[in-house]
Amino acid sequence: MKRLAAKILSTCFGIGYFPVAPGTVTSIAAVLCYYFIPILHEPALLLSLVALSTVVGVWSGTLMEKECGEDPSIVTIDELAGQWLALVFLPEGLLPALLSLIFFRWFDIAKPGPVDAAQRLPGGWGIMADDLLAGLFANLAVRGVMLLFTSFYLWVAV
């Protein structure tokens, strides 16, 4: 029963079994949920969901690694948590949501510096930590781009 629960939760109810780019598909699903479920725009709720999916991800990811090997691609709860972290406290709208998706996927795939180091943590910790860092960096990158857009607009308007 524990293994079944770990499979269901770690794969985000089966999205992880998508045959092509399951991490990207899960990230897109996370953005769509955020975009179309307005209550998810509440930072306290979204942060609570990030925390909950992190705890569940560490537990289920550890079990899945024992069964499927190191950081199995079917485990996508880490993308869910990371993508939601990338969206926290951003302004509402399609552009910030799309930018968060692009930056999150870039940081998650490219794994610059600390993101790569976090992936080396043992078990479910490593599965979750790199995506949470990727989400944090994506959030900061979107904020930077939005600040540049605003600064450019103010500069052109003057």
C-alpha atoms as a PDB file:
ATOM      1  CA  MET A   1       0.000   0.000   0.000  1.00  0.00           C
ATOM      2  CA  LYS A   2       2.858   2.358   0.863  1.00  0.00           C
ATOM      3  CA  ARG A   3       4.560   1.674  -2.508  1.00  0.00           C
ATOM      4  CA  LEU A   4       1.326   2.327  -4.399  1.00  0.00           C
ATOM      5  CA  ALA A   5       0.790   5.626  -2.578  1.00  0.00           C
ATOM      6  CA  ALA A   6       4.386   6.621  -3.322  1.00  0.00           C
ATOM      7  CA  LYS A   7       3.923   5.824  -7.027  1.00  0.00           C
ATOM      8  CA  ILE A   8       0.690   7.782  -7.293  1.00  0.00           C
ATOM      9  CA  LEU A   9       1.954  10.822  -5.415  1.00  0.00           C
ATOM     10  CA  SER A  10       5.497  10.959  -6.794  1.00  0.00           C
ATOM     11  CA  THR A  11       4.224  10.775 -10.387  1.00  0.00           C
ATOM     12  CA  CYS A  12       1.612  13.492  -9.758  1.00  0.00           C
ATOM     13  CA  PHE A  13      -1.234  11.050 -10.260  1.00  0.00           C
ATOM     14  CA  GLY A  14       0.363   9.506 -13.330  1.00  0.00           C
ATOM     15  CA  ILE A  15       1.650  12.574 -15.203  1.00  0.00           C
ATOM     16  CA  GLY A  16       5.166  11.230 -14.636  1.00  0.00           C
ATOM     17  CA  TYR A  17       4.363   8.339 -16.965  1.00  0.00           C
ATOM     18  CA  PHE A  18       3.897  10.711 -19.924  1.00  0.00           C
ATOM     19  CA  PRO A  19       6.146   9.269 -22.651  1.00  0.00           C
ATOM     20  CA  VAL A  20       7.917  12.512 -23.610  1.00  0.00           C
ATOM     21  CA  ALA A  21       9.323  15.114 -21.187  1.00  0.00           C
ATOM     22  CA  PRO A  22       7.212  14.201 -18.136  1.00  0.00           C
ATOM     23  CA  GLY A  23       8.910  16.914 -16.061  1.00  0.00           C
ATOM     24  CA  THR A  24       7.952  19.588 -18.554  1.00  0.00           C
ATOM     25  CA  VAL A  25       4.405  18.224 -18.788  1.00  0.00           C
ATOM     26  CA  THR A  26       4.104  18.361 -14.989  1.00  0.00           C
ATOM     27  CA  SER A  27       5.451  21.929 -14.966  1.00  0.00           C
ATOM     28  CA  ILE A  28       2.880  22.935 -17.583  1.00  0.00           C
ATOM     29  CA  ALA A  29       0.142  21.276 -15.505  1.00  0.00           C
ATOM     30  CA  ALA A  30       1.335  23.210 -12.439  1.00  0.00           C
ATOM     31  CA  VAL A  31       1.184  26.516 -14.346  1.00  0.00           C
ATOM     32  CA  LEU A  32      -2.259  25.696 -15.755  1.00  0.00           C
ATOM     33  CA  CYS A  33      -3.560  24.885 -12.258  1.00  0.00           C
ATOM     34  CA  TYR A  34      -2.115  28.151 -10.969  1.00  0.00           C
ATOM     35  CA  TYR A  35      -3.497  30.169 -13.857  1.00  0.00           C
ATOM     36  CA  PHE A  36      -7.018  28.710 -13.852  1.00  0.00           C
ATOM     37  CA  ILE A  37      -7.527  28.238 -10.095  1.00  0.00           C
ATOM     38  CA  PRO A  38      -7.459  31.771  -8.692  1.00  0.00           C
ATOM     39  CA  ILE A  39      -7.154  30.706  -5.047  1.00  0.00           C
ATOM     40  CA  LEU A  40      -3.661  29.426  -5.895  1.00  0.00           C
ATOM     41  CA  HIS A  41      -2.625  33.068  -6.370  1.00  0.00           C
ATOM     42  CA  GLU A  42      -2.722  33.370  -2.580  1.00  0.00           C
ATOM     43  CA  PRO A  43       0.961  33.184  -1.537  1.00  0.00           C
ATOM     44  CA  ALA A  44       0.229  31.509   1.813  1.00  0.00           C
ATOM     45  CA  LEU A  45      -1.730  28.717   0.139  1.00  0.00           C
ATOM     46  CA  LEU A  46       0.802  28.241  -2.648  1.00  0.00           C
ATOM     47  CA  LEU A  47       3.701  28.150  -0.171  1.00  0.00           C
ATOM     48  CA  SER A  48       1.767  25.618   1.906  1.00  0.00           C
ATOM     49  CA  LEU A  49       1.302  23.449  -1.183  1.00  0.00           C
ATOM     50  CA  VAL A  50       5.018  23.757  -1.990  1.00  0.00           C
ATOM     51  CA  ALA A  51       5.846  22.654   1.568  1.00  0.00           C
ATOM     52  CA  LEU A  52       3.350  19.783   1.464  1.00  0.00           C
ATOM     53  CA  SER A  53       4.545  18.541  -1.927  1.00  0.00           C
ATOM     54  CA  THR A  54       8.148  18.815  -0.697  1.00  0.00           C
ATOM     55  CA  VAL A  55       7.473  16.614   2.329  1.00  0.00           C
ATOM     56  CA  VAL A  56       5.516  14.126   0.217  1.00  0.00           C
ATOM     57  CA  GLY A  57       8.197  14.289  -2.487  1.00  0.00           C
ATOM     58  CA  VAL A  58      11.064  13.531  -0.115  1.00  0.00           C
ATOM     59  CA  TRP A  59       9.169  10.529   1.276  1.00  0.00           C
ATOM     60  CA  SER A  60       7.842   9.166  -2.014  1.00  0.00           C
ATOM     61  CA  GLY A  61      11.002  10.018  -3.962  1.00  0.00           C
ATOM     62  CA  THR A  62      13.121   8.043  -1.508  1.00  0.00           C
ATOM     63  CA  LEU A  63      10.875   5.006  -1.929  1.00  0.00           C
ATOM     64  CA  MET A  64      10.820   5.364  -5.705  1.00  0.00           C
ATOM     65  CA  GLU A  65      14.615   5.581  -5.888  1.00  0.00           C
ATOM     66  CA  LYS A  66      14.854   2.257  -4.062  1.00  0.00           C
ATOM     67  CA  GLU A  67      12.524   0.719  -6.643  1.00  0.00           C
ATOM     68  CA  CYS A  68      13.502   2.497  -9.878  1.00  0.00           C
ATOM     69  CA  GLY A  69      17.048   3.775  -9.388  1.00  0.00           C
ATOM     70  CA  GLU A  70      18.492   7.226  -8.853  1.00  0.00           C
ATOM     71  CA  ASP A  71      16.183  10.178  -9.599  1.00  0.00           C
ATOM     72  CA  PRO A  72      13.727   8.282 -11.826  1.00  0.00           C
ATOM     73  CA  SER A  73      12.162  10.384 -14.587  1.00  0.00           C
ATOM     74  CA  ILE A  74       8.660   9.224 -13.621  1.00  0.00           C
ATOM     75  CA  VAL A  75       9.006  11.102 -10.306  1.00  0.00           C
ATOM     76  CA  THR A  76       7.677  14.559 -11.139  1.00  0.00           C
ATOM     77  CA  ILE A  77       6.394  15.862  -7.823  1.00  0.00           C
ATOM     78  CA  ASP A  78       9.667  17.804  -7.655  1.00  0.00           C
ATOM     79  CA  GLU A  79       8.658  19.727 -10.811  1.00  0.00           C
ATOM     80  CA  LEU A  80       5.279  20.483  -9.276  1.00  0.00           C
ATOM     81  CA  ALA A  81       6.828  21.928  -6.118  1.00  0.00           C
ATOM     82  CA  GLY A  82       9.554  23.795  -7.992  1.00  0.00           C
ATOM     83  CA  GLN A  83       7.182  25.298 -10.543  1.00  0.00           C
ATOM     84  CA  TRP A  84       4.787  26.463  -7.855  1.00  0.00           C
ATOM     85  CA  LEU A  85       7.712  28.045  -5.980  1.00  0.00           C
ATOM     86  CA  ALA A  86       8.650  29.813  -9.219  1.00  0.00           C
ATOM     87  CA  LEU A  87       5.152  31.384  -9.221  1.00  0.00           C
ATOM     88  CA  VAL A  88       4.900  32.543  -5.588  1.00  0.00           C
ATOM     89  CA  PHE A  89       4.485  36.308  -5.096  1.00  0.00           C
ATOM     90  CA  LEU A  90       4.632  37.043  -8.833  1.00  0.00           C
ATOM     91  CA  PRO A  91       2.106  39.421 -10.342  1.00  0.00           C
ATOM     92  CA  GLU A  92      -0.925  37.686 -11.804  1.00  0.00           C
ATOM     93  CA  GLY A  93      -1.078  37.339 -15.552  1.00  0.00           C
ATOM     94  CA  LEU A  94      -0.080  35.215 -18.487  1.00  0.00           C
ATOM     95  CA  LEU A  95       3.350  36.783 -19.047  1.00  0.00           C
ATOM     96  CA  PRO A  96       4.703  36.156 -15.514  1.00  0.00           C
ATOM     97  CA  ALA A  97       3.284  32.613 -15.592  1.00  0.00           C
ATOM     98  CA  LEU A  98       4.917  31.825 -18.954  1.00  0.00           C
ATOM     99  CA  LEU A  99       8.213  33.401 -17.931  1.00  0.00           C
ATOM    100  CA  SER A 100       8.213  31.342 -14.737  1.00  0.00           C
ATOM    101  CA  LEU A 101       7.710  28.177 -16.781  1.00  0.00           C
ATOM    102  CA  ILE A 102      10.517  29.043 -19.196  1.00  0.00           C
ATOM    103  CA  PHE A 103      12.975  30.034 -16.489  1.00  0.00           C
ATOM    104  CA  PHE A 104      12.078  27.091 -14.250  1.00  0.00           C
ATOM    105  CA  ARG A 105      12.581  24.558 -17.012  1.00  0.00           C
ATOM    106  CA  TRP A 106      15.875  26.220 -17.971  1.00  0.00           C
ATOM    107  CA  PHE A 107      17.236  26.172 -14.407  1.00  0.00           C
ATOM    108  CA  ASP A 108      15.967  22.620 -13.881  1.00  0.00           C
ATOM    109  CA  ILE A 109      17.520  21.278 -17.081  1.00  0.00           C
ATOM    110  CA  ALA A 110      20.754  23.331 -17.186  1.00  0.00           C
ATOM    111  CA  LYS A 111      21.360  22.891 -13.430  1.00  0.00           C
ATOM    112  CA  PRO A 112      23.770  25.780 -12.920  1.00  0.00           C
ATOM    113  CA  GLY A 113      26.069  25.661  -9.857  1.00  0.00           C
ATOM    114  CA  PRO A 114      24.077  25.189  -6.665  1.00  0.00           C
ATOM    115  CA  VAL A 115      21.165  23.520  -8.468  1.00  0.00           C
ATOM    116  CA  ASP A 116      23.491  20.739  -9.606  1.00  0.00           C
ATOM    117  CA  ALA A 117      25.057  20.475  -6.145  1.00  0.00           C
ATOM    118  CA  ALA A 118      21.631  20.161  -4.492  1.00  0.00           C
ATOM    119  CA  GLN A 119      20.796  17.227  -6.751  1.00  0.00           C
ATOM    120  CA  ARG A 120      23.576  15.223  -5.121  1.00  0.00           C
ATOM    121  CA  LEU A 121      21.815  15.093  -1.756  1.00  0.00           C
ATOM    122  CA  PRO A 122      20.747  11.544  -0.855  1.00  0.00           C
ATOM    123  CA  GLY A 123      17.360  10.027  -1.725  1.00  0.00           C
ATOM    124  CA  GLY A 124      14.282  12.167  -1.983  1.00  0.00           C
ATOM    125  CA  TRP A 125      16.177  15.171  -0.634  1.00  0.00           C
ATOM    126  CA  GLY A 126      18.232  15.377  -3.821  1.00  0.00           C
ATOM    127  CA  ILE A 127      15.180  14.816  -6.008  1.00  0.00           C
ATOM    128  CA  MET A 128      13.391  17.744  -4.386  1.00  0.00           C
ATOM    129  CA  ALA A 129      16.205  20.173  -3.537  1.00  0.00           C
ATOM    130  CA  ASP A 130      17.441  20.867  -7.067  1.00  0.00           C
ATOM    131  CA  ASP A 131      13.938  21.671  -8.296  1.00  0.00           C
ATOM    132  CA  LEU A 132      13.205  23.903  -5.331  1.00  0.00           C
ATOM    133  CA  LEU A 133      16.399  25.849  -6.039  1.00  0.00           C
ATOM    134  CA  ALA A 134      15.497  25.977  -9.732  1.00  0.00           C
ATOM    135  CA  GLY A 135      12.087  27.341  -8.715  1.00  0.00           C
ATOM    136  CA  LEU A 136      13.646  29.969  -6.456  1.00  0.00           C
ATOM    137  CA  PHE A 137      16.078  31.068  -9.181  1.00  0.00           C
ATOM    138  CA  ALA A 138      13.270  31.127 -11.752  1.00  0.00           C
ATOM    139  CA  ASN A 139      11.177  33.312  -9.451  1.00  0.00           C
ATOM    140  CA  LEU A 140      14.066  35.749  -9.039  1.00  0.00           C
ATOM    141  CA  ALA A 141      14.742  35.744 -12.797  1.00  0.00           C
ATOM    142  CA  VAL A 142      11.104  36.581 -13.578  1.00  0.00           C
ATOM    143  CA  ARG A 143      11.241  39.408 -11.050  1.00  0.00           C
ATOM    144  CA  GLY A 144      14.388  40.710 -12.744  1.00  0.00           C
ATOM    145  CA  VAL A 145      12.816  40.585 -16.209  1.00  0.00           C
ATOM    146  CA  MET A 146       9.656  42.280 -14.959  1.00  0.00           C
ATOM    147  CA  LEU A 147      11.791  44.989 -13.325  1.00  0.00           C
ATOM    148  CA  LEU A 148      13.652  45.498 -16.607  1.00  0.00           C
ATOM    149  CA  PHE A 149      10.352  45.752 -18.504  1.00  0.00           C
ATOM    150  CA  THR A 150       9.089  48.325 -16.017  1.00  0.00           C
ATOM    151  CA  SER A 151      12.350  50.301 -16.073  1.00  0.00           C
ATOM    152  CA  PHE A 152      12.441  50.285 -19.875  1.00  0.00           C
ATOM    153  CA  TYR A 153       8.823  51.403 -20.054  1.00  0.00           C
ATOM    154  CA  LEU A 154       9.493  54.255 -17.611  1.00  0.00           C
ATOM    155  CA  TRP A 155      12.631  55.251 -19.513  1.00  0.00           C
ATOM    156  CA  VAL A 156      10.807  55.291 -22.886  1.00  0.00           C
ATOM    157  CA  ALA A 157       7.797  57.131 -21.419  1.00  0.00           C
ATOM    158  CA  VAL A 158       9.949  59.997 -20.072  1.00  0.00           C
END
